[in-house]
Amino acid sequence: MCRNIKTLKSLLVKAQKGYIIAKAENETVKQIEEESKVKVLKENIFLTADHEEAGEEQQRILKSNGDYHMNDEDFTKYCKLCLIEYLKNGLDVPDFNTTPDYLTRKTLMIAEEKLLNVGIEVIVKNKDARREDLEKIKDHYEARKTMIELTLSLDL
């Protein structure tokens, strides 16, 4: 897939913009999700359930990263209350079993893939590099992050 530099530049700019927009949307949804969870935890009392059997005193859960300590009944109630908050805050979530970023995460993954593909094409076009070796970057978490950062900083 050999392209001229003008076409490649156009694809790069489009991929960079698409990724930045998708990332911003996803981060916004995650922030609204976190704020909604914190609000639900502040307005309702949910206690840790995993220390009950050991005879330890239950503690109130005030941070969303502690929601896995709830018993199943409380967790279901918590998820339903969070869904109400998500909807109040403008998030499109079909039910309480679905994470609020289910759409934006998918969009971000597609944008990442497009950005990586363009980045690889730019490198292959301008350097004596093997496409097969560069394609492996997509499957390696740390290398993928680095490649995304590098591709975002490219300017043809």
Protein backbone atom coordinates (compact mmCIF):
# COMPACT_ATOMS: atom_id res chain seq x y z
CA MET A 1 0.00 0.00 0.00
CA CYS A 2 2.34 2.70 -1.25
CA ARG A 3 0.99 6.24 -1.11
CA ASN A 4 2.44 9.59 -1.92
CA ILE A 5 3.53 11.86 0.92
CA LYS A 6 0.60 14.29 0.51
CA THR A 7 -1.98 11.51 0.86
CA LEU A 8 -0.05 10.04 3.78
CA LYS A 9 0.04 13.41 5.54
CA SER A 10 -3.71 13.78 5.09
CA LEU A 11 -4.29 10.29 6.53
CA LEU A 12 -1.94 10.99 9.43
CA VAL A 13 -3.66 14.25 10.39
CA LYS A 14 -7.08 12.61 10.15
CA ALA A 15 -5.95 9.64 12.28
CA GLN A 16 -4.34 11.93 14.87
CA LYS A 17 -7.47 14.07 15.17
CA GLY A 18 -9.71 11.02 15.31
CA TYR A 19 -7.65 9.49 18.11
CA ILE A 20 -7.52 12.72 20.15
CA ILE A 21 -11.29 13.18 19.88
CA ALA A 22 -12.00 9.53 20.76
CA LYS A 23 -9.61 9.70 23.72
CA ALA A 24 -11.23 12.91 25.00
CA GLU A 25 -14.73 11.41 24.70
CA ASN A 26 -13.67 8.26 26.53
CA GLU A 27 -11.94 10.20 29.32
CA THR A 28 -14.99 12.45 29.72
CA VAL A 29 -17.29 9.44 30.07
CA LYS A 30 -14.93 7.85 32.61
CA GLN A 31 -14.85 11.07 34.63
CA ILE A 32 -18.65 11.32 34.65
CA GLU A 33 -18.82 7.63 35.63
CA GLU A 34 -16.44 8.19 38.56
CA GLU A 35 -18.30 11.31 39.75
CA SER A 36 -21.61 9.41 39.56
CA LYS A 37 -20.24 6.49 41.58
CA VAL A 38 -18.81 8.78 44.25
CA LYS A 39 -22.14 10.61 44.52
CA VAL A 40 -24.04 7.33 44.95
CA LEU A 41 -21.58 6.17 47.61
CA LYS A 42 -21.87 9.47 49.50
CA GLU A 43 -25.67 9.50 49.41
CA ASN A 44 -26.11 5.82 50.34
CA ILE A 45 -24.50 3.57 52.90
CA PHE A 46 -22.75 0.51 51.52
CA LEU A 47 -20.64 -1.61 53.86
CA THR A 48 -17.83 -4.04 53.21
CA ALA A 49 -19.11 -7.60 53.21
CA ASP A 50 -15.89 -9.56 52.87
CA HIS A 51 -14.84 -9.01 56.50
CA GLU A 52 -18.15 -10.14 58.00
CA GLU A 53 -17.26 -13.81 58.21
CA ALA A 54 -13.93 -13.08 59.90
CA GLY A 55 -15.79 -11.24 62.65
CA GLU A 56 -14.23 -7.94 61.68
CA GLU A 57 -16.16 -4.71 61.80
CA GLN A 58 -17.75 -3.69 58.52
CA GLN A 59 -16.55 -0.43 57.04
CA ARG A 60 -18.43 2.05 54.92
CA ILE A 61 -17.35 2.17 51.29
CA LEU A 62 -16.73 5.73 50.16
CA LYS A 63 -14.47 5.20 47.15
CA SER A 64 -15.55 3.57 43.91
CA ASN A 65 -12.47 1.36 43.80
CA GLY A 66 -13.81 -0.40 46.91
CA ASP A 67 -17.14 -1.41 45.40
CA TYR A 68 -15.94 -5.00 44.95
CA HIS A 69 -16.12 -5.38 48.75
CA MET A 70 -19.96 -5.21 48.65
CA ASN A 71 -22.17 -8.24 48.90
CA ASP A 72 -24.06 -9.20 45.74
CA GLU A 73 -27.35 -7.62 46.83
CA ASP A 74 -25.74 -4.29 47.70
CA PHE A 75 -23.65 -4.32 44.56
CA THR A 76 -26.74 -4.78 42.39
CA LYS A 77 -28.48 -1.92 44.21
CA TYR A 78 -25.34 0.22 43.81
CA CYS A 79 -25.17 -0.51 40.07
CA LYS A 80 -28.83 0.40 39.61
CA LEU A 81 -28.36 3.67 41.51
CA CYS A 82 -25.27 4.43 39.44
CA LEU A 83 -27.26 3.83 36.25
CA ILE A 84 -29.79 6.46 37.37
CA GLU A 85 -26.92 8.93 37.94
CA TYR A 86 -25.32 8.10 34.59
CA LEU A 87 -28.58 8.83 32.81
CA LYS A 88 -29.08 12.08 34.79
CA ASN A 89 -25.58 13.12 33.71
CA GLY A 90 -26.30 12.47 30.04
CA LEU A 91 -24.57 9.14 29.53
CA ASP A 92 -26.13 6.64 27.14
CA VAL A 93 -26.12 3.39 29.13
CA PRO A 94 -28.72 0.74 28.24
CA ASP A 95 -28.75 -1.12 31.57
CA PHE A 96 -26.92 -1.45 34.89
CA ASN A 97 -24.83 -4.39 33.64
CA THR A 98 -23.18 -2.25 30.95
CA THR A 99 -20.25 0.06 31.63
CA PRO A 100 -20.79 3.68 30.64
CA ASP A 101 -17.77 3.65 28.31
CA TYR A 102 -19.04 0.72 26.24
CA LEU A 103 -19.41 2.93 23.14
CA THR A 104 -16.50 5.32 23.61
CA ARG A 105 -14.07 2.52 24.46
CA LYS A 106 -14.91 0.79 21.18
CA THR A 107 -14.52 4.05 19.26
CA LEU A 108 -11.17 4.66 20.96
CA MET A 109 -9.93 1.19 20.04
CA ILE A 110 -10.87 1.75 16.39
CA ALA A 111 -9.16 5.16 16.40
CA GLU A 112 -6.05 3.63 17.98
CA GLU A 113 -5.93 0.95 15.30
CA LYS A 114 -6.23 3.53 12.51
CA LEU A 115 -3.53 5.68 14.10
CA LEU A 116 -1.18 2.71 14.45
CA ASN A 117 -1.78 1.62 10.86
CA VAL A 118 -0.96 5.10 9.53
CA GLY A 119 2.10 5.33 11.80
CA ILE A 120 3.38 2.01 10.52
CA GLU A 121 2.78 3.07 6.93
CA VAL A 122 4.71 6.32 7.48
CA ILE A 123 7.66 4.43 8.95
CA VAL A 124 7.67 1.80 6.19
CA LYS A 125 7.43 4.52 3.53
CA ASN A 126 10.29 6.62 4.93
CA LYS A 127 12.60 4.00 6.41
CA ASP A 128 13.86 0.60 5.44
CA ALA A 129 11.62 -1.21 7.93
CA ARG A 130 9.70 -4.44 7.68
CA ARG A 131 5.95 -4.07 8.00
CA GLU A 132 5.65 -7.52 9.63
CA ASP A 133 7.95 -6.46 12.48
CA LEU A 134 6.10 -3.21 13.03
CA GLU A 135 2.71 -4.97 13.00
CA LYS A 136 3.82 -6.93 16.09
CA ILE A 137 3.83 -3.67 18.04
CA LYS A 138 0.04 -3.69 18.01
CA ASP A 139 -0.03 -6.78 20.22
CA HIS A 140 2.45 -5.56 22.84
CA TYR A 141 0.88 -3.25 25.44
CA GLU A 142 3.90 -1.05 26.25
CA ALA A 143 5.17 -0.90 22.66
CA ARG A 144 1.64 -0.05 21.49
CA LYS A 145 1.44 2.90 23.91
CA THR A 146 4.85 4.13 22.76
CA MET A 147 3.90 3.79 19.09
CA ILE A 148 0.69 5.76 19.68
CA GLU A 149 2.66 8.55 21.38
CA LEU A 150 5.22 8.62 18.55
CA THR A 151 2.54 8.62 15.86
CA LEU A 152 0.74 11.47 17.60
CA SER A 153 3.94 13.50 17.54
CA LEU A 154 4.64 12.85 13.84
CA ASP A 155 4.48 15.76 11.45
CA LEU A 156 5.08 15.20 7.75
